[in-house]
Each structure stands twice: as C-alpha cells, then as structure tokens.
C-alpha cells in the first residue's frame, strides 16, 4: 500500500489505516501457522467442512464488525 494514496479517516491517519489493514490481512496466515500441526492432523473431509463454514460466514457478513 502506498501511504500517500491512503486518505485519513476520522481520527486515524492514512498510515495508521494501512497498518490496520496489513494486520487484518496477515491475521489468517498467522492463525494457520500457529495451528499448522492441528490442521495437518485433520482429515480432508474435516478441512473441507471447515472451509465451507468459513466461506458461509464471510458471505453473510454485512460489513465492519460483523461475524
């Protein structure tokens, strides 16, 4: 993200907004890496069910703060 292109929003500067977006984007990767052994032990069927559940919850999200 280019900090010059990110506008200020409310009390957050454009750079602060970028930091928040980067942290949100990295969250799923960090979570997967933290639980890699448990994920490796799961069956393919369980992983598929978990993936379907995650997709369904994202599809029903109405915006900021939902979930």
C-alpha atoms as a PDB file:
ATOM      1  CA  UNK A   1       0.000   0.000   0.000  1.00  0.00           C
ATOM      2  CA  UNK A   2       1.243   3.447  -0.806  1.00  0.00           C
ATOM      3  CA  UNK A   3       0.802   5.676   2.211  1.00  0.00           C
ATOM      4  CA  UNK A   4       0.399   8.777   0.048  1.00  0.00           C
ATOM      5  CA  UNK A   5      -2.689   7.269  -1.567  1.00  0.00           C
ATOM      6  CA  UNK A   6      -4.456   6.313   1.647  1.00  0.00           C
ATOM      7  CA  UNK A   7      -6.692   9.086   2.988  1.00  0.00           C
ATOM      8  CA  UNK A   8      -7.096   9.943   6.643  1.00  0.00           C
ATOM      9  CA  UNK A   9     -10.253   8.554   8.192  1.00  0.00           C
ATOM     10  CA  UNK A  10     -11.772  10.000  11.339  1.00  0.00           C
ATOM     11  CA  UNK A  11      -9.007  10.023  13.961  1.00  0.00           C
ATOM     12  CA  UNK A  12      -6.707   7.618  12.069  1.00  0.00           C
ATOM     13  CA  UNK A  13      -4.056   8.817   9.668  1.00  0.00           C
ATOM     14  CA  UNK A  14      -3.655   7.159   6.291  1.00  0.00           C
ATOM     15  CA  UNK A  15      -0.567   5.312   7.571  1.00  0.00           C
ATOM     16  CA  UNK A  16      -2.458   4.061  10.632  1.00  0.00           C
ATOM     17  CA  UNK A  17      -5.188   2.779   8.315  1.00  0.00           C
ATOM     18  CA  UNK A  18      -2.544   0.889   6.326  1.00  0.00           C
ATOM     19  CA  UNK A  19      -1.163  -0.683   9.500  1.00  0.00           C
ATOM     20  CA  UNK A  20      -4.645  -1.876  10.490  1.00  0.00           C
ATOM     21  CA  UNK A  21      -5.287  -3.288   7.009  1.00  0.00           C
ATOM     22  CA  UNK A  22      -1.937  -5.094   6.990  1.00  0.00           C
ATOM     23  CA  UNK A  23      -2.634  -6.616  10.410  1.00  0.00           C
ATOM     24  CA  UNK A  24      -6.080  -7.800   9.323  1.00  0.00           C
ATOM     25  CA  UNK A  25      -4.652  -9.278   6.133  1.00  0.00           C
ATOM     26  CA  UNK A  26      -1.894 -11.116   7.972  1.00  0.00           C
ATOM     27  CA  UNK A  27      -4.218 -12.490  10.660  1.00  0.00           C
ATOM     28  CA  UNK A  28      -5.377 -15.603   8.785  1.00  0.00           C
ATOM     29  CA  UNK A  29      -1.800 -16.549   7.824  1.00  0.00           C
ATOM     30  CA  UNK A  30      -0.601 -16.161  11.415  1.00  0.00           C
ATOM     31  CA  UNK A  31      -3.517 -18.232  12.665  1.00  0.00           C
ATOM     32  CA  UNK A  32      -2.862 -21.015  10.155  1.00  0.00           C
ATOM     33  CA  UNK A  33       0.832 -21.128  11.035  1.00  0.00           C
ATOM     34  CA  UNK A  34       0.089 -21.168  14.759  1.00  0.00           C
ATOM     35  CA  UNK A  35      -2.184 -24.174  14.303  1.00  0.00           C
ATOM     36  CA  UNK A  36      -0.366 -25.986  11.478  1.00  0.00           C
ATOM     37  CA  UNK A  37       0.136 -29.219  13.460  1.00  0.00           C
ATOM     38  CA  UNK A  38      -3.543 -29.465  14.347  1.00  0.00           C
ATOM     39  CA  UNK A  39      -4.526 -28.684  10.753  1.00  0.00           C
ATOM     40  CA  UNK A  40      -2.130 -31.350   9.431  1.00  0.00           C
ATOM     41  CA  UNK A  41      -3.784 -33.906  11.724  1.00  0.00           C
ATOM     42  CA  UNK A  42      -7.259 -33.140  10.358  1.00  0.00           C
ATOM     43  CA  UNK A  43      -8.905 -35.290   7.725  1.00  0.00           C
ATOM     44  CA  UNK A  44      -9.568 -33.859   4.276  1.00  0.00           C
ATOM     45  CA  UNK A  45     -13.299 -34.103   4.968  1.00  0.00           C
ATOM     46  CA  UNK A  46     -12.972 -32.030   8.162  1.00  0.00           C
ATOM     47  CA  UNK A  47     -10.865 -29.406   6.391  1.00  0.00           C
ATOM     48  CA  UNK A  48     -13.472 -29.151   3.628  1.00  0.00           C
ATOM     49  CA  UNK A  49     -16.254 -28.721   6.202  1.00  0.00           C
ATOM     50  CA  UNK A  50     -14.237 -26.038   7.990  1.00  0.00           C
ATOM     51  CA  UNK A  51     -13.613 -24.261   4.697  1.00  0.00           C
ATOM     52  CA  UNK A  52     -17.331 -24.317   3.849  1.00  0.00           C
ATOM     53  CA  UNK A  53     -18.165 -22.884   7.268  1.00  0.00           C
ATOM     54  CA  UNK A  54     -15.637 -20.072   6.841  1.00  0.00           C
ATOM     55  CA  UNK A  55     -16.977 -19.248   3.374  1.00  0.00           C
ATOM     56  CA  UNK A  56     -20.552 -19.166   4.621  1.00  0.00           C
ATOM     57  CA  UNK A  57     -19.714 -16.828   7.494  1.00  0.00           C
ATOM     58  CA  UNK A  58     -17.920 -14.412   5.126  1.00  0.00           C
ATOM     59  CA  UNK A  59     -20.828 -14.470   2.665  1.00  0.00           C
ATOM     60  CA  UNK A  60     -23.277 -13.445   5.405  1.00  0.00           C
ATOM     61  CA  UNK A  61     -21.118 -10.614   6.735  1.00  0.00           C
ATOM     62  CA  UNK A  62     -22.756  -7.222   6.435  1.00  0.00           C
ATOM     63  CA  UNK A  63     -19.638  -5.112   6.938  1.00  0.00           C
ATOM     64  CA  UNK A  64     -17.389  -3.760   9.664  1.00  0.00           C
ATOM     65  CA  UNK A  65     -17.690  -5.552  12.971  1.00  0.00           C
ATOM     66  CA  UNK A  66     -19.873  -8.401  11.781  1.00  0.00           C
ATOM     67  CA  UNK A  67     -19.114 -12.001  12.485  1.00  0.00           C
END
